[in-house]
Amino acid sequence: MQKRSLSASILSADILNLQKQVEELEEGGVDMLHIDVMDGAFVPNLGFSISSVEALKKITKLPLDVHLMMENPERHIQAFVDAGSDILTVHLEAVKHIDRTIRQIKNFKIKAGVALLPSSLPQNLEYIIDIIDLVLVMSVNPGFGGQTFIQSQLNKISYLSSKMQANTLLSVDGGVNIRNISQIADAGANTFVVGSYLYKDGNIQQNIQNIKSLIM
């Protein structure tokens, strides 16, 4: 069984104090940093960039879990690998030849993930489920932090959990907080992307411990 892990999204972090908050995330015991890269086309917002990944790599030893919410992500894979990505996740809906793209990522000796929008069927992953390292279930419509978890995604999580290999990361991103994380874990998730809850009151380390007490 895959060990449960906490991936801290920095989308809701204070950009003017990002280094300090990353240090607090490290000290609090998160397992990785989740970095949302948005192009304003695939999703209606702009997010972090290649230079953001490079900068974060210089200030933390935490693995960088990079989520490409962008059209034609295959054109930028090498650049994100060179910047320091440890996990690179692309959207099934944004790639025409997903098998080829997954193998392209894995050829760089990093982990390859595939993300699903809330409206996408989990069955669409079955033919590549044995070659991907991470499945990311989007439990909100992506683009903005602080949204409410879509309850119907619990069925998707349960379905994917029953199909995946034991060492695959089943990650959930969107509206994950202390009120629903136990339910998400019970559905079969083993990796939890948490954003706004961690920063909500400035007490990052305590909030991490609150979350981890429910999933570890």
N, C-alpha and C. Protein backbone atom coordinates (compact mmCIF):
# COMPACT_ATOMS: atom_id res chain seq x y z
N MET A 1 0.84 -1.20 0.00
CA MET A 1 0.00 0.00 0.00
C MET A 1 0.87 1.25 0.00
N GLN A 2 0.50 2.22 -0.84
CA GLN A 2 1.24 3.47 -0.94
C GLN A 2 1.08 4.29 0.34
N LYS A 3 2.19 4.80 0.84
CA LYS A 3 2.18 5.67 2.02
C LYS A 3 1.39 6.94 1.71
N ARG A 4 0.62 7.42 2.66
CA ARG A 4 -0.12 8.67 2.48
C ARG A 4 0.83 9.87 2.60
N SER A 5 0.56 10.89 1.78
CA SER A 5 1.43 12.05 1.79
C SER A 5 0.63 13.33 1.61
N LEU A 6 1.21 14.43 2.08
CA LEU A 6 0.58 15.74 2.02
C LEU A 6 1.38 16.63 1.08
N SER A 7 0.70 17.11 0.04
CA SER A 7 1.31 18.01 -0.94
C SER A 7 0.72 19.39 -0.74
N ALA A 8 1.57 20.34 -0.34
CA ALA A 8 1.09 21.68 -0.01
C ALA A 8 1.04 22.54 -1.27
N SER A 9 -0.17 22.96 -1.64
CA SER A 9 -0.31 23.86 -2.77
C SER A 9 0.16 25.26 -2.37
N ILE A 10 0.91 25.91 -3.26
CA ILE A 10 1.36 27.27 -2.96
C ILE A 10 0.51 28.31 -3.69
N LEU A 11 -0.59 27.86 -4.33
CA LEU A 11 -1.45 28.79 -5.06
C LEU A 11 -2.06 29.84 -4.12
N SER A 12 -2.33 29.43 -2.88
CA SER A 12 -2.95 30.34 -1.91
C SER A 12 -1.94 30.96 -0.96
N ALA A 13 -0.66 30.71 -1.19
CA ALA A 13 0.37 31.27 -0.32
C ALA A 13 0.51 32.77 -0.56
N ASP A 14 1.15 33.43 0.39
CA ASP A 14 1.46 34.85 0.28
C ASP A 14 2.72 35.00 -0.56
N ILE A 15 2.56 35.44 -1.81
CA ILE A 15 3.69 35.50 -2.72
C ILE A 15 4.80 36.41 -2.20
N LEU A 16 4.43 37.48 -1.49
CA LEU A 16 5.44 38.41 -0.97
C LEU A 16 6.25 37.79 0.17
N ASN A 17 5.73 36.71 0.75
CA ASN A 17 6.45 36.03 1.84
C ASN A 17 6.61 34.54 1.52
N LEU A 18 6.77 34.23 0.24
CA LEU A 18 6.75 32.83 -0.18
C LEU A 18 7.89 32.02 0.42
N GLN A 19 9.09 32.57 0.45
CA GLN A 19 10.20 31.81 0.99
C GLN A 19 9.97 31.47 2.46
N LYS A 20 9.49 32.44 3.23
CA LYS A 20 9.21 32.19 4.65
C LYS A 20 8.13 31.12 4.81
N GLN A 21 7.09 31.19 3.97
CA GLN A 21 6.03 30.21 4.09
C GLN A 21 6.48 28.83 3.65
N VAL A 22 7.34 28.75 2.65
CA VAL A 22 7.90 27.45 2.25
C VAL A 22 8.71 26.86 3.39
N GLU A 23 9.46 27.68 4.08
CA GLU A 23 10.22 27.20 5.24
C GLU A 23 9.29 26.66 6.31
N GLU A 24 8.16 27.34 6.54
CA GLU A 24 7.19 26.86 7.52
C GLU A 24 6.55 25.55 7.07
N LEU A 25 6.29 25.43 5.79
CA LEU A 25 5.74 24.18 5.27
C LEU A 25 6.72 23.03 5.50
N GLU A 26 7.99 23.28 5.24
CA GLU A 26 9.02 22.26 5.48
C GLU A 26 9.06 21.87 6.95
N GLU A 27 9.13 22.87 7.81
CA GLU A 27 9.22 22.61 9.25
C GLU A 27 7.98 21.91 9.77
N GLY A 28 6.83 22.19 9.15
CA GLY A 28 5.59 21.55 9.57
C GLY A 28 5.48 20.10 9.15
N GLY A 29 6.28 19.69 8.16
CA GLY A 29 6.32 18.28 7.79
C GLY A 29 5.53 17.90 6.56
N VAL A 30 5.28 18.86 5.64
CA VAL A 30 4.63 18.45 4.39
C VAL A 30 5.61 17.59 3.60
N ASP A 31 5.07 16.80 2.69
CA ASP A 31 5.91 15.86 1.94
C ASP A 31 6.39 16.41 0.61
N MET A 32 5.65 17.36 0.04
CA MET A 32 6.05 17.95 -1.23
C MET A 32 5.32 19.28 -1.41
N LEU A 33 5.76 20.04 -2.41
CA LEU A 33 5.08 21.28 -2.78
C LEU A 33 4.35 21.08 -4.10
N HIS A 34 3.11 21.55 -4.15
CA HIS A 34 2.30 21.45 -5.36
C HIS A 34 2.29 22.80 -6.05
N ILE A 35 2.74 22.83 -7.30
CA ILE A 35 2.89 24.08 -8.04
C ILE A 35 1.97 24.05 -9.25
N ASP A 36 1.00 24.95 -9.28
CA ASP A 36 0.05 25.03 -10.38
C ASP A 36 0.57 25.98 -11.45
N VAL A 37 0.72 25.44 -12.66
CA VAL A 37 1.14 26.24 -13.81
C VAL A 37 -0.07 26.39 -14.72
N MET A 38 -0.50 27.64 -14.94
CA MET A 38 -1.71 27.89 -15.73
C MET A 38 -1.39 28.85 -16.87
N ASP A 39 -2.02 28.62 -18.02
CA ASP A 39 -1.68 29.41 -19.20
C ASP A 39 -2.76 30.41 -19.60
N GLY A 40 -3.86 30.48 -18.86
CA GLY A 40 -4.93 31.39 -19.21
C GLY A 40 -5.79 30.92 -20.36
N ALA A 41 -5.48 29.75 -20.90
CA ALA A 41 -6.24 29.19 -22.02
C ALA A 41 -6.95 27.90 -21.61
N PHE A 42 -6.20 26.95 -21.09
CA PHE A 42 -6.81 25.70 -20.63
C PHE A 42 -7.69 25.95 -19.41
N VAL A 43 -7.25 26.86 -18.56
CA VAL A 43 -8.05 27.31 -17.41
C VAL A 43 -8.05 28.84 -17.41
N PRO A 44 -9.08 29.47 -16.83
CA PRO A 44 -9.22 30.92 -16.92
C PRO A 44 -8.42 31.68 -15.86
N ASN A 45 -7.12 31.41 -15.81
CA ASN A 45 -6.29 32.11 -14.84
C ASN A 45 -4.83 31.90 -15.26
N LEU A 46 -3.95 32.69 -14.68
CA LEU A 46 -2.51 32.51 -14.87
C LEU A 46 -1.91 32.10 -13.54
N GLY A 47 -0.92 31.21 -13.60
CA GLY A 47 -0.32 30.73 -12.37
C GLY A 47 1.18 30.81 -12.42
N PHE A 48 1.83 29.88 -11.78
CA PHE A 48 3.29 29.88 -11.71
C PHE A 48 3.89 29.48 -13.06
N SER A 49 5.20 29.62 -13.17
CA SER A 49 5.87 29.45 -14.45
C SER A 49 7.13 28.61 -14.29
N ILE A 50 7.85 28.43 -15.39
CA ILE A 50 9.13 27.72 -15.34
C ILE A 50 10.08 28.42 -14.38
N SER A 51 10.14 29.74 -14.44
CA SER A 51 11.04 30.47 -13.54
C SER A 51 10.64 30.31 -12.08
N SER A 52 9.34 30.12 -11.81
CA SER A 52 8.88 29.88 -10.44
C SER A 52 9.42 28.55 -9.93
N VAL A 53 9.37 27.53 -10.78
CA VAL A 53 9.89 26.21 -10.40
C VAL A 53 11.39 26.31 -10.12
N GLU A 54 12.11 27.01 -10.99
CA GLU A 54 13.56 27.19 -10.80
C GLU A 54 13.85 27.87 -9.46
N ALA A 55 13.09 28.91 -9.16
CA ALA A 55 13.32 29.65 -7.92
C ALA A 55 13.03 28.80 -6.69
N LEU A 56 11.94 28.03 -6.74
CA LEU A 56 11.59 27.17 -5.61
C LEU A 56 12.63 26.08 -5.40
N LYS A 57 13.17 25.56 -6.48
CA LYS A 57 14.18 24.50 -6.38
C LYS A 57 15.40 24.98 -5.60
N LYS A 58 15.66 26.28 -5.66
CA LYS A 58 16.83 26.83 -4.98
C LYS A 58 16.62 27.02 -3.49
N ILE A 59 15.36 27.06 -3.04
CA ILE A 59 15.10 27.39 -1.63
C ILE A 59 14.52 26.23 -0.83
N THR A 60 14.28 25.10 -1.48
CA THR A 60 13.70 23.97 -0.73
C THR A 60 14.25 22.65 -1.22
N LYS A 61 14.28 21.69 -0.31
CA LYS A 61 14.66 20.32 -0.66
C LYS A 61 13.42 19.44 -0.85
N LEU A 62 12.25 20.02 -0.64
CA LEU A 62 11.02 19.25 -0.84
C LEU A 62 10.84 18.92 -2.32
N PRO A 63 10.31 17.73 -2.63
CA PRO A 63 9.99 17.42 -4.03
C PRO A 63 8.98 18.42 -4.58
N LEU A 64 9.15 18.77 -5.85
CA LEU A 64 8.25 19.71 -6.51
C LEU A 64 7.27 18.95 -7.38
N ASP A 65 6.00 19.04 -6.98
CA ASP A 65 4.88 18.36 -7.62
C ASP A 65 4.23 19.39 -8.56
N VAL A 66 4.61 19.35 -9.85
CA VAL A 66 4.25 20.41 -10.79
C VAL A 66 3.06 19.98 -11.65
N HIS A 67 2.01 20.77 -11.60
CA HIS A 67 0.73 20.46 -12.25
C HIS A 67 0.55 21.42 -13.42
N LEU A 68 0.65 20.90 -14.64
CA LEU A 68 0.57 21.72 -15.84
C LEU A 68 -0.88 21.83 -16.31
N MET A 69 -1.52 22.93 -15.96
CA MET A 69 -2.88 23.20 -16.42
C MET A 69 -2.78 24.11 -17.64
N MET A 70 -2.41 23.49 -18.75
CA MET A 70 -2.10 24.27 -19.94
C MET A 70 -2.32 23.44 -21.20
N GLU A 71 -2.55 24.13 -22.29
CA GLU A 71 -2.69 23.47 -23.58
C GLU A 71 -1.31 23.10 -24.12
N ASN A 72 -1.25 21.98 -24.84
CA ASN A 72 -0.01 21.51 -25.46
C ASN A 72 1.16 21.43 -24.46
N PRO A 73 0.97 20.81 -23.30
CA PRO A 73 2.04 20.76 -22.30
C PRO A 73 3.27 20.01 -22.78
N GLU A 74 3.09 19.10 -23.75
CA GLU A 74 4.22 18.30 -24.23
C GLU A 74 5.33 19.18 -24.82
N ARG A 75 4.99 20.39 -25.23
CA ARG A 75 5.99 21.29 -25.81
C ARG A 75 6.94 21.85 -24.75
N HIS A 76 6.56 21.74 -23.49
CA HIS A 76 7.31 22.40 -22.42
C HIS A 76 7.90 21.42 -21.39
N ILE A 77 7.79 20.15 -21.65
CA ILE A 77 8.21 19.15 -20.65
C ILE A 77 9.69 19.28 -20.31
N GLN A 78 10.55 19.33 -21.31
CA GLN A 78 11.98 19.40 -21.01
C GLN A 78 12.32 20.65 -20.19
N ALA A 79 11.68 21.77 -20.50
CA ALA A 79 11.97 23.00 -19.77
C ALA A 79 11.58 22.86 -18.30
N PHE A 80 10.45 22.21 -18.02
CA PHE A 80 10.04 22.03 -16.63
C PHE A 80 10.90 20.99 -15.92
N VAL A 81 11.35 20.00 -16.64
CA VAL A 81 12.30 19.04 -16.05
C VAL A 81 13.60 19.74 -15.70
N ASP A 82 14.12 20.52 -16.64
CA ASP A 82 15.38 21.24 -16.40
C ASP A 82 15.24 22.22 -15.24
N ALA A 83 14.04 22.76 -15.04
CA ALA A 83 13.82 23.72 -13.95
C ALA A 83 13.84 23.05 -12.58
N GLY A 84 13.62 21.72 -12.54
CA GLY A 84 13.70 21.02 -11.26
C GLY A 84 12.46 20.26 -10.83
N SER A 85 11.53 20.04 -11.73
CA SER A 85 10.32 19.28 -11.37
C SER A 85 10.68 17.85 -10.98
N ASP A 86 10.03 17.36 -9.92
CA ASP A 86 10.21 15.96 -9.51
C ASP A 86 9.03 15.10 -9.97
N ILE A 87 7.85 15.71 -10.04
CA ILE A 87 6.65 15.08 -10.59
C ILE A 87 6.07 16.07 -11.59
N LEU A 88 5.71 15.57 -12.76
CA LEU A 88 5.12 16.44 -13.78
C LEU A 88 3.80 15.82 -14.20
N THR A 89 2.72 16.57 -13.98
CA THR A 89 1.37 16.08 -14.26
C THR A 89 0.74 16.90 -15.37
N VAL A 90 0.22 16.20 -16.37
CA VAL A 90 -0.48 16.85 -17.48
C VAL A 90 -1.94 16.44 -17.45
N HIS A 91 -2.79 17.22 -18.11
CA HIS A 91 -4.21 16.90 -18.15
C HIS A 91 -4.53 16.00 -19.33
N LEU A 92 -5.30 14.96 -19.06
CA LEU A 92 -5.76 14.08 -20.12
C LEU A 92 -6.48 14.87 -21.20
N GLU A 93 -7.23 15.89 -20.79
CA GLU A 93 -8.06 16.66 -21.71
C GLU A 93 -7.24 17.60 -22.60
N ALA A 94 -5.96 17.81 -22.26
CA ALA A 94 -5.13 18.78 -22.99
C ALA A 94 -4.12 18.12 -23.92
N VAL A 95 -4.08 16.78 -23.92
CA VAL A 95 -3.04 16.07 -24.68
C VAL A 95 -3.70 15.10 -25.66
N LYS A 96 -3.32 15.18 -26.92
CA LYS A 96 -3.88 14.28 -27.93
C LYS A 96 -3.30 12.87 -27.81
N HIS A 97 -2.02 12.78 -27.55
CA HIS A 97 -1.33 11.49 -27.51
C HIS A 97 -0.77 11.27 -26.10
N ILE A 98 -1.66 10.93 -25.17
CA ILE A 98 -1.28 10.90 -23.76
C ILE A 98 -0.24 9.83 -23.47
N ASP A 99 -0.33 8.69 -24.13
CA ASP A 99 0.65 7.62 -23.90
C ASP A 99 2.05 8.12 -24.24
N ARG A 100 2.18 8.77 -25.38
CA ARG A 100 3.48 9.29 -25.81
C ARG A 100 4.00 10.33 -24.83
N THR A 101 3.11 11.20 -24.36
CA THR A 101 3.54 12.26 -23.44
C THR A 101 3.99 11.71 -22.10
N ILE A 102 3.29 10.71 -21.59
CA ILE A 102 3.70 10.08 -20.34
C ILE A 102 5.09 9.45 -20.47
N ARG A 103 5.31 8.76 -21.57
CA ARG A 103 6.62 8.14 -21.78
C ARG A 103 7.71 9.19 -21.98
N GLN A 104 7.35 10.31 -22.57
CA GLN A 104 8.29 11.42 -22.74
C GLN A 104 8.74 11.94 -21.37
N ILE A 105 7.80 12.10 -20.46
CA ILE A 105 8.15 12.56 -19.11
C ILE A 105 9.02 11.53 -18.39
N LYS A 106 8.62 10.27 -18.45
CA LYS A 106 9.33 9.21 -17.73
C LYS A 106 10.74 9.00 -18.27
N ASN A 107 10.96 9.34 -19.52
CA ASN A 107 12.30 9.22 -20.09
C ASN A 107 13.30 10.15 -19.42
N PHE A 108 12.80 11.19 -18.75
CA PHE A 108 13.67 12.10 -18.01
C PHE A 108 13.91 11.61 -16.57
N LYS A 109 13.42 10.42 -16.26
CA LYS A 109 13.64 9.78 -14.95
C LYS A 109 12.97 10.55 -13.81
N ILE A 110 11.81 11.15 -14.11
CA ILE A 110 10.99 11.74 -13.06
C ILE A 110 9.61 11.07 -13.12
N LYS A 111 8.77 11.36 -12.13
CA LYS A 111 7.45 10.75 -12.09
C LYS A 111 6.50 11.48 -13.02
N ALA A 112 5.64 10.71 -13.68
CA ALA A 112 4.67 11.25 -14.63
C ALA A 112 3.27 11.05 -14.10
N GLY A 113 2.48 12.14 -14.15
CA GLY A 113 1.10 12.06 -13.68
C GLY A 113 0.11 12.50 -14.73
N VAL A 114 -1.13 12.08 -14.55
CA VAL A 114 -2.23 12.50 -15.42
C VAL A 114 -3.35 13.02 -14.54
N ALA A 115 -3.85 14.21 -14.87
CA ALA A 115 -4.94 14.83 -14.12
C ALA A 115 -6.25 14.71 -14.88
N LEU A 116 -7.34 14.63 -14.12
CA LEU A 116 -8.69 14.56 -14.68
C LEU A 116 -9.53 15.71 -14.16
N LEU A 117 -10.19 16.42 -15.07
CA LEU A 117 -11.17 17.42 -14.68
C LEU A 117 -12.37 16.75 -14.02
N PRO A 118 -13.16 17.47 -13.22
CA PRO A 118 -14.32 16.85 -12.58
C PRO A 118 -15.28 16.18 -13.56
N SER A 119 -15.38 16.69 -14.78
CA SER A 119 -16.32 16.14 -15.76
C SER A 119 -15.77 14.94 -16.53
N SER A 120 -14.51 14.60 -16.34
CA SER A 120 -13.89 13.50 -17.11
C SER A 120 -14.13 12.15 -16.44
N LEU A 121 -14.33 11.15 -17.28
CA LEU A 121 -14.59 9.80 -16.78
C LEU A 121 -13.29 9.11 -16.38
N PRO A 122 -13.26 8.45 -15.23
CA PRO A 122 -12.04 7.75 -14.82
C PRO A 122 -11.70 6.58 -15.72
N GLN A 123 -12.70 6.01 -16.40
CA GLN A 123 -12.46 4.88 -17.31
C GLN A 123 -11.50 5.26 -18.44
N ASN A 124 -11.41 6.55 -18.73
CA ASN A 124 -10.53 7.00 -19.83
C ASN A 124 -9.05 6.79 -19.53
N LEU A 125 -8.74 6.47 -18.27
CA LEU A 125 -7.35 6.25 -17.89
C LEU A 125 -6.95 4.78 -17.91
N GLU A 126 -7.90 3.90 -18.12
CA GLU A 126 -7.61 2.48 -17.91
C GLU A 126 -6.49 1.94 -18.80
N TYR A 127 -6.38 2.44 -20.02
CA TYR A 127 -5.37 1.87 -20.91
C TYR A 127 -3.95 2.36 -20.62
N ILE A 128 -3.82 3.39 -19.76
CA ILE A 128 -2.48 3.85 -19.38
C ILE A 128 -2.23 3.74 -17.88
N ILE A 129 -3.16 3.15 -17.16
CA ILE A 129 -3.07 3.14 -15.70
C ILE A 129 -1.81 2.44 -15.20
N ASP A 130 -1.28 1.53 -16.00
CA ASP A 130 -0.11 0.76 -15.57
C ASP A 130 1.21 1.46 -15.85
N ILE A 131 1.20 2.61 -16.54
CA ILE A 131 2.47 3.29 -16.83
C ILE A 131 2.57 4.66 -16.16
N ILE A 132 1.52 5.09 -15.48
CA ILE A 132 1.59 6.40 -14.83
C ILE A 132 1.93 6.25 -13.35
N ASP A 133 2.61 7.25 -12.83
CA ASP A 133 3.04 7.22 -11.42
C ASP A 133 2.05 7.92 -10.51
N LEU A 134 1.23 8.79 -11.08
CA LEU A 134 0.30 9.59 -10.28
C LEU A 134 -0.96 9.87 -11.07
N VAL A 135 -2.10 9.73 -10.42
CA VAL A 135 -3.38 10.18 -10.97
C VAL A 135 -3.85 11.33 -10.09
N LEU A 136 -4.17 12.45 -10.71
CA LEU A 136 -4.64 13.62 -9.97
C LEU A 136 -6.11 13.85 -10.28
N VAL A 137 -6.94 13.66 -9.27
CA VAL A 137 -8.37 13.91 -9.40
C VAL A 137 -8.64 15.36 -8.99
N MET A 138 -9.11 16.14 -9.95
CA MET A 138 -9.48 17.52 -9.64
C MET A 138 -10.88 17.52 -9.02
N SER A 139 -10.97 17.96 -7.79
CA SER A 139 -12.25 17.94 -7.08
C SER A 139 -12.89 19.33 -7.03
N VAL A 140 -12.36 20.24 -7.85
CA VAL A 140 -12.99 21.52 -8.17
C VAL A 140 -12.71 21.77 -9.65
N ASN A 141 -13.42 22.71 -10.24
CA ASN A 141 -13.07 23.13 -11.59
C ASN A 141 -11.85 24.03 -11.49
N PRO A 142 -10.74 23.65 -12.10
CA PRO A 142 -9.45 24.28 -11.80
C PRO A 142 -9.32 25.71 -12.30
N GLY A 143 -8.41 26.42 -11.64
CA GLY A 143 -8.10 27.78 -12.03
C GLY A 143 -7.98 28.74 -10.86
N PHE A 144 -8.70 28.44 -9.77
CA PHE A 144 -8.71 29.34 -8.63
C PHE A 144 -8.68 28.54 -7.32
N GLY A 145 -8.00 29.10 -6.31
CA GLY A 145 -7.97 28.48 -5.01
C GLY A 145 -9.22 28.79 -4.21
N GLY A 146 -9.41 28.07 -3.11
CA GLY A 146 -10.49 28.37 -2.19
C GLY A 146 -11.87 27.90 -2.59
N GLN A 147 -11.96 26.99 -3.56
CA GLN A 147 -13.27 26.50 -4.00
C GLN A 147 -13.76 25.35 -3.12
N THR A 148 -15.04 25.01 -3.28
CA THR A 148 -15.66 23.95 -2.49
C THR A 148 -15.50 22.61 -3.18
N PHE A 149 -15.16 21.61 -2.40
CA PHE A 149 -14.99 20.24 -2.88
C PHE A 149 -16.28 19.72 -3.53
N ILE A 150 -16.14 19.11 -4.71
CA ILE A 150 -17.28 18.53 -5.42
C ILE A 150 -17.47 17.09 -4.95
N GLN A 151 -18.54 16.83 -4.22
CA GLN A 151 -18.73 15.54 -3.55
C GLN A 151 -18.77 14.35 -4.52
N SER A 152 -19.24 14.57 -5.74
CA SER A 152 -19.34 13.46 -6.69
C SER A 152 -17.98 12.87 -7.05
N GLN A 153 -16.91 13.61 -6.77
CA GLN A 153 -15.58 13.09 -7.09
C GLN A 153 -15.16 11.95 -6.18
N LEU A 154 -15.87 11.75 -5.07
CA LEU A 154 -15.55 10.62 -4.20
C LEU A 154 -15.74 9.29 -4.93
N ASN A 155 -16.76 9.21 -5.78
CA ASN A 155 -16.99 7.99 -6.55
C ASN A 155 -15.85 7.75 -7.53
N LYS A 156 -15.35 8.82 -8.11
CA LYS A 156 -14.22 8.70 -9.05
C LYS A 156 -12.97 8.21 -8.32
N ILE A 157 -12.73 8.76 -7.14
CA ILE A 157 -11.58 8.35 -6.34
C ILE A 157 -11.67 6.86 -6.01
N SER A 158 -12.84 6.42 -5.58
CA SER A 158 -13.04 5.00 -5.24
C SER A 158 -12.81 4.11 -6.44
N TYR A 159 -13.32 4.50 -7.59
CA TYR A 159 -13.15 3.70 -8.81
C TYR A 159 -11.67 3.59 -9.18
N LEU A 160 -10.97 4.71 -9.19
CA LEU A 160 -9.56 4.69 -9.56
C LEU A 160 -8.73 3.90 -8.55
N SER A 161 -9.07 4.02 -7.28
CA SER A 161 -8.35 3.26 -6.25
C SER A 161 -8.44 1.76 -6.50
N SER A 162 -9.56 1.31 -7.01
CA SER A 162 -9.75 -0.12 -7.26
C SER A 162 -9.00 -0.60 -8.50
N LYS A 163 -8.57 0.30 -9.35
CA LYS A 163 -7.92 -0.06 -10.61
C LYS A 163 -6.41 0.13 -10.59
N MET A 164 -5.91 0.95 -9.68
CA MET A 164 -4.51 1.34 -9.73
C MET A 164 -3.59 0.33 -9.09
N GLN A 165 -2.31 0.39 -9.51
CA GLN A 165 -1.29 -0.43 -8.88
C GLN A 165 -0.99 0.12 -7.48
N ALA A 166 -0.46 -0.74 -6.64
CA ALA A 166 -0.28 -0.38 -5.23
C ALA A 166 0.68 0.79 -5.02
N ASN A 167 1.63 0.97 -5.94
CA ASN A 167 2.63 2.03 -5.74
C ASN A 167 2.29 3.33 -6.47
N THR A 168 1.11 3.42 -7.04
CA THR A 168 0.70 4.64 -7.75
C THR A 168 0.14 5.66 -6.77
N LEU A 169 0.49 6.93 -6.98
CA LEU A 169 -0.06 8.00 -6.16
C LEU A 169 -1.45 8.35 -6.67
N LEU A 170 -2.43 8.35 -5.80
CA LEU A 170 -3.79 8.80 -6.14
C LEU A 170 -4.01 10.10 -5.38
N SER A 171 -3.86 11.19 -6.11
CA SER A 171 -3.85 12.52 -5.52
C SER A 171 -5.18 13.23 -5.75
N VAL A 172 -5.58 14.06 -4.80
CA VAL A 172 -6.84 14.80 -4.89
C VAL A 172 -6.53 16.27 -4.63
N ASP A 173 -7.04 17.14 -5.53
CA ASP A 173 -6.72 18.55 -5.47
C ASP A 173 -7.99 19.37 -5.65
N GLY A 174 -8.31 20.19 -4.63
CA GLY A 174 -9.44 21.10 -4.74
C GLY A 174 -10.39 21.02 -3.57
N GLY A 175 -10.39 22.02 -2.74
CA GLY A 175 -11.32 22.06 -1.61
C GLY A 175 -11.04 21.06 -0.51
N VAL A 176 -9.80 20.55 -0.44
CA VAL A 176 -9.44 19.56 0.59
C VAL A 176 -9.13 20.30 1.88
N ASN A 177 -9.80 19.90 2.96
CA ASN A 177 -9.58 20.57 4.25
C ASN A 177 -9.85 19.60 5.39
N ILE A 178 -9.81 20.11 6.59
CA ILE A 178 -9.93 19.25 7.77
C ILE A 178 -11.31 18.62 7.89
N ARG A 179 -12.32 19.21 7.26
CA ARG A 179 -13.68 18.69 7.37
C ARG A 179 -13.94 17.50 6.45
N ASN A 180 -13.19 17.40 5.35
CA ASN A 180 -13.50 16.33 4.39
C ASN A 180 -12.34 15.38 4.11
N ILE A 181 -11.16 15.63 4.65
CA ILE A 181 -10.00 14.84 4.25
C ILE A 181 -10.11 13.38 4.68
N SER A 182 -10.76 13.11 5.80
CA SER A 182 -10.93 11.71 6.23
C SER A 182 -11.82 10.96 5.24
N GLN A 183 -12.85 11.61 4.77
CA GLN A 183 -13.75 11.01 3.79
C GLN A 183 -13.02 10.74 2.47
N ILE A 184 -12.16 11.66 2.08
CA ILE A 184 -11.38 11.49 0.85
C ILE A 184 -10.40 10.33 1.00
N ALA A 185 -9.78 10.23 2.16
CA ALA A 185 -8.86 9.12 2.43
C ALA A 185 -9.61 7.79 2.43
N ASP A 186 -10.77 7.76 3.03
CA ASP A 186 -11.57 6.52 3.06
C ASP A 186 -11.98 6.08 1.66
N ALA A 187 -12.11 7.02 0.74
CA ALA A 187 -12.47 6.69 -0.64
C ALA A 187 -11.30 6.05 -1.38
N GLY A 188 -10.07 6.20 -0.85
CA GLY A 188 -8.93 5.54 -1.46
C GLY A 188 -7.77 6.44 -1.84
N ALA A 189 -7.89 7.74 -1.65
CA ALA A 189 -6.78 8.64 -1.98
C ALA A 189 -5.62 8.40 -1.03
N ASN A 190 -4.40 8.60 -1.55
CA ASN A 190 -3.22 8.47 -0.69
C ASN A 190 -2.34 9.72 -0.73
N THR A 191 -2.71 10.69 -1.55
CA THR A 191 -1.96 11.94 -1.63
C THR A 191 -2.96 13.09 -1.65
N PHE A 192 -2.71 14.10 -0.81
CA PHE A 192 -3.72 15.13 -0.57
C PHE A 192 -3.10 16.50 -0.83
N VAL A 193 -3.62 17.20 -1.84
CA VAL A 193 -3.16 18.54 -2.14
C VAL A 193 -4.01 19.52 -1.34
N VAL A 194 -3.37 20.22 -0.42
CA VAL A 194 -4.09 21.15 0.45
C VAL A 194 -3.51 22.54 0.25
N GLY A 195 -4.39 23.52 0.06
CA GLY A 195 -3.94 24.88 -0.19
C GLY A 195 -4.45 25.86 0.83
N SER A 196 -5.61 26.46 0.57
CA SER A 196 -6.08 27.60 1.38
C SER A 196 -6.21 27.26 2.86
N TYR A 197 -6.56 26.01 3.21
CA TYR A 197 -6.69 25.65 4.62
C TYR A 197 -5.37 25.87 5.37
N LEU A 198 -4.25 25.59 4.73
CA LEU A 198 -2.96 25.68 5.42
C LEU A 198 -2.59 27.12 5.79
N TYR A 199 -3.07 28.09 5.00
CA TYR A 199 -2.65 29.47 5.18
C TYR A 199 -3.73 30.35 5.82
N LYS A 200 -4.89 29.79 6.12
CA LYS A 200 -6.08 30.57 6.43
C LYS A 200 -5.92 31.52 7.62
N ASP A 201 -5.14 31.15 8.61
CA ASP A 201 -5.02 31.99 9.81
C ASP A 201 -3.56 32.31 10.15
N GLY A 202 -2.65 32.00 9.23
CA GLY A 202 -1.24 32.28 9.46
C GLY A 202 -0.53 31.24 10.30
N ASN A 203 -1.26 30.26 10.82
CA ASN A 203 -0.66 29.23 11.68
C ASN A 203 -0.41 27.97 10.86
N ILE A 204 0.53 28.06 9.94
CA ILE A 204 0.75 27.00 8.96
C ILE A 204 1.12 25.68 9.61
N GLN A 205 2.05 25.71 10.54
CA GLN A 205 2.53 24.45 11.12
C GLN A 205 1.44 23.74 11.90
N GLN A 206 0.63 24.48 12.63
CA GLN A 206 -0.47 23.84 13.37
C GLN A 206 -1.49 23.26 12.41
N ASN A 207 -1.78 23.97 11.34
CA ASN A 207 -2.74 23.47 10.37
C ASN A 207 -2.25 22.20 9.69
N ILE A 208 -0.96 22.14 9.44
CA ILE A 208 -0.38 20.90 8.88
C ILE A 208 -0.59 19.75 9.85
N GLN A 209 -0.32 19.99 11.11
CA GLN A 209 -0.49 18.92 12.09
C GLN A 209 -1.95 18.50 12.21
N ASN A 210 -2.86 19.44 12.11
CA ASN A 210 -4.29 19.11 12.15
C ASN A 210 -4.65 18.17 11.02
N ILE A 211 -4.15 18.47 9.83
CA ILE A 211 -4.42 17.63 8.66
C ILE A 211 -3.78 16.26 8.80
N LYS A 212 -2.49 16.26 9.17
CA LYS A 212 -1.75 15.00 9.21
C LYS A 212 -2.29 14.06 10.29
N SER A 213 -2.86 14.63 11.34
CA SER A 213 -3.41 13.77 12.39
C SER A 213 -4.59 12.95 11.89
N LEU A 214 -5.20 13.38 10.80
CA LEU A 214 -6.37 12.67 10.26
C LEU A 214 -6.02 11.66 9.17
N ILE A 215 -4.83 11.76 8.60
CA ILE A 215 -4.50 10.88 7.47
C ILE A 215 -3.29 10.00 7.69
N MET A 216 -2.48 10.27 8.69
CA MET A 216 -1.25 9.50 8.90
C MET A 216 -1.46 8.37 9.91
